[in-house]
C-alpha atoms as a PDB file:
ATOM      1  CA  UNK A   1     129.313  96.162  75.385  1.00  0.00           C
ATOM      2  CA  UNK A   2     126.922  99.214  76.971  1.00  0.00           C
ATOM      3  CA  UNK A   3     124.752  98.676  79.751  1.00  0.00           C
ATOM      4  CA  UNK A   4     121.229  97.554  78.358  1.00  0.00           C
ATOM      5  CA  UNK A   5     122.290  95.974  74.104  1.00  0.00           C
ATOM      6  CA  UNK A   6     121.740  92.604  73.550  1.00  0.00           C
ATOM      7  CA  UNK A   7     119.046  92.006  76.810  1.00  0.00           C
ATOM      8  CA  UNK A   8     116.193  90.476  76.827  1.00  0.00           C
ATOM      9  CA  UNK A   9     113.219  91.707  78.506  1.00  0.00           C
ATOM     10  CA  UNK A  10     112.842  89.828  81.727  1.00  0.00           C
ATOM     11  CA  UNK A  11     109.515  88.737  83.038  1.00  0.00           C
ATOM     12  CA  UNK A  12     107.481  85.892  83.799  1.00  0.00           C
ATOM     13  CA  UNK A  13     104.346  83.784  82.790  1.00  0.00           C
ATOM     14  CA  UNK A  14     101.364  84.475  84.107  1.00  0.00           C
ATOM     15  CA  UNK A  15     102.617  88.195  84.497  1.00  0.00           C
ATOM     16  CA  UNK A  16     100.571  90.804  81.327  1.00  0.00           C
ATOM     17  CA  UNK A  17     102.204  93.652  80.011  1.00  0.00           C
ATOM     18  CA  UNK A  18     100.414  96.314  77.013  1.00  0.00           C
ATOM     19  CA  UNK A  19     103.209  97.304  74.967  1.00  0.00           C
ATOM     20  CA  UNK A  20     101.927 101.307  73.471  1.00  0.00           C
ATOM     21  CA  UNK A  21     104.599 100.756  70.480  1.00  0.00           C
ATOM     22  CA  UNK A  22     102.872  97.916  69.484  1.00  0.00           C
ATOM     23  CA  UNK A  23      99.469  98.768  70.799  1.00  0.00           C
ATOM     24  CA  UNK A  24      99.778  94.441  71.801  1.00  0.00           C
ATOM     25  CA  UNK A  25      99.184  92.685  75.568  1.00  0.00           C
ATOM     26  CA  UNK A  26     102.213  90.612  75.558  1.00  0.00           C
ATOM     27  CA  UNK A  27     102.685  88.058  78.360  1.00  0.00           C
ATOM     28  CA  UNK A  28     106.379  87.641  79.546  1.00  0.00           C
ATOM     29  CA  UNK A  29     106.957  91.176  78.119  1.00  0.00           C
ATOM     30  CA  UNK A  30     108.347  90.615  74.554  1.00  0.00           C
ATOM     31  CA  UNK A  31     109.344  94.580  74.152  1.00  0.00           C
ATOM     32  CA  UNK A  32     111.568  97.059  76.669  1.00  0.00           C
ATOM     33  CA  UNK A  33     110.119  98.375  79.739  1.00  0.00           C
ATOM     34  CA  UNK A  34     109.978 101.996  77.940  1.00  0.00           C
ATOM     35  CA  UNK A  35     107.963 100.809  75.359  1.00  0.00           C
ATOM     36  CA  UNK A  36     104.911  99.246  77.673  1.00  0.00           C
ATOM     37  CA  UNK A  37     102.697  99.824  80.581  1.00  0.00           C
ATOM     38  CA  UNK A  38     102.461  96.307  83.366  1.00  0.00           C
ATOM     39  CA  UNK A  39     102.440  93.814  85.502  1.00  0.00           C
ATOM     40  CA  UNK A  40      98.548  93.200  85.223  1.00  0.00           C
ATOM     41  CA  UNK A  41      97.647  89.968  86.603  1.00  0.00           C
ATOM     42  CA  UNK A  42      95.228  89.496  83.879  1.00  0.00           C
ATOM     43  CA  UNK A  43      95.212  89.653  80.060  1.00  0.00           C
ATOM     44  CA  UNK A  44      91.813  91.738  80.787  1.00  0.00           C
ATOM     45  CA  UNK A  45      93.338  93.895  81.931  1.00  0.00           C
ATOM     46  CA  UNK A  46      96.510  95.035  80.474  1.00  0.00           C
ATOM     47  CA  UNK A  47      93.783  94.745  77.128  1.00  0.00           C
ATOM     48  CA  UNK A  48      91.964  97.842  79.547  1.00  0.00           C
ATOM     49  CA  UNK A  49      95.526  99.941  79.899  1.00  0.00           C
ATOM     50  CA  UNK A  50      94.882 102.887  78.182  1.00  0.00           C
ATOM     51  CA  UNK A  51      91.208 102.808  79.621  1.00  0.00           C
ATOM     52  CA  UNK A  52      92.785 102.393  83.783  1.00  0.00           C
ATOM     53  CA  UNK A  53      96.191 104.549  83.140  1.00  0.00           C
ATOM     54  CA  UNK A  54      93.754 107.844  81.542  1.00  0.00           C
ATOM     55  CA  UNK A  55      91.358 107.200  84.934  1.00  0.00           C
ATOM     56  CA  UNK A  56      94.400 107.448  87.902  1.00  0.00           C
ATOM     57  CA  UNK A  57      95.778 110.028  85.444  1.00  0.00           C
ATOM     58  CA  UNK A  58      92.132 111.821  86.668  1.00  0.00           C
ATOM     59  CA  UNK A  59      92.074 110.590  89.373  1.00  0.00           C
ATOM     60  CA  UNK A  60      95.319 112.664  90.632  1.00  0.00           C
ATOM     61  CA  UNK A  61      94.612 115.695  87.909  1.00  0.00           C
ATOM     62  CA  UNK A  62      91.722 116.905  90.335  1.00  0.00           C
ATOM     63  CA  UNK A  63      93.597 115.500  93.902  1.00  0.00           C
ATOM     64  CA  UNK A  64      93.459 118.013  96.373  1.00  0.00           C
ATOM     65  CA  UNK A  65      97.344 116.678  97.596  1.00  0.00           C
ATOM     66  CA  UNK A  66      98.869 117.378  94.341  1.00  0.00           C
ATOM     67  CA  UNK A  67      97.635 120.755  93.531  1.00  0.00           C
ATOM     68  CA  UNK A  68      99.793 123.041  92.428  1.00  0.00           C
ATOM     69  CA  UNK A  69      97.650 126.525  92.564  1.00  0.00           C
ATOM     70  CA  UNK A  70      97.315 126.783  96.710  1.00  0.00           C
ATOM     71  CA  UNK A  71      97.872 130.466  97.591  1.00  0.00           C
ATOM     72  CA  UNK A  72     101.472 130.307  99.086  1.00  0.00           C
ATOM     73  CA  UNK A  73     101.938 129.157 102.373  1.00  0.00           C
ATOM     74  CA  UNK A  74      98.757 127.421 102.202  1.00  0.00           C
ATOM     75  CA  UNK A  75      99.200 124.012 104.837  1.00  0.00           C
ATOM     76  CA  UNK A  76      97.677 120.702 103.594  1.00  0.00           C
ATOM     77  CA  UNK A  77      95.033 119.121 105.778  1.00  0.00           C
END
């Protein structure tokens, strides 16, 4: 049997996830890892997963440590 087939997603009660495939909050989780964000500490945090991810992406895009447009040879501070 190939790896991964027939396996149930693992998780613990009290861990919350957001399934991007189904657009729902899960406790446990229910869906495969490739389809979910988390774990989060609360149901409310999991419900806000897309907003949290968008905010983190904005922060990373504006973080000068991750900029690729620095002139060649310029060192980080």
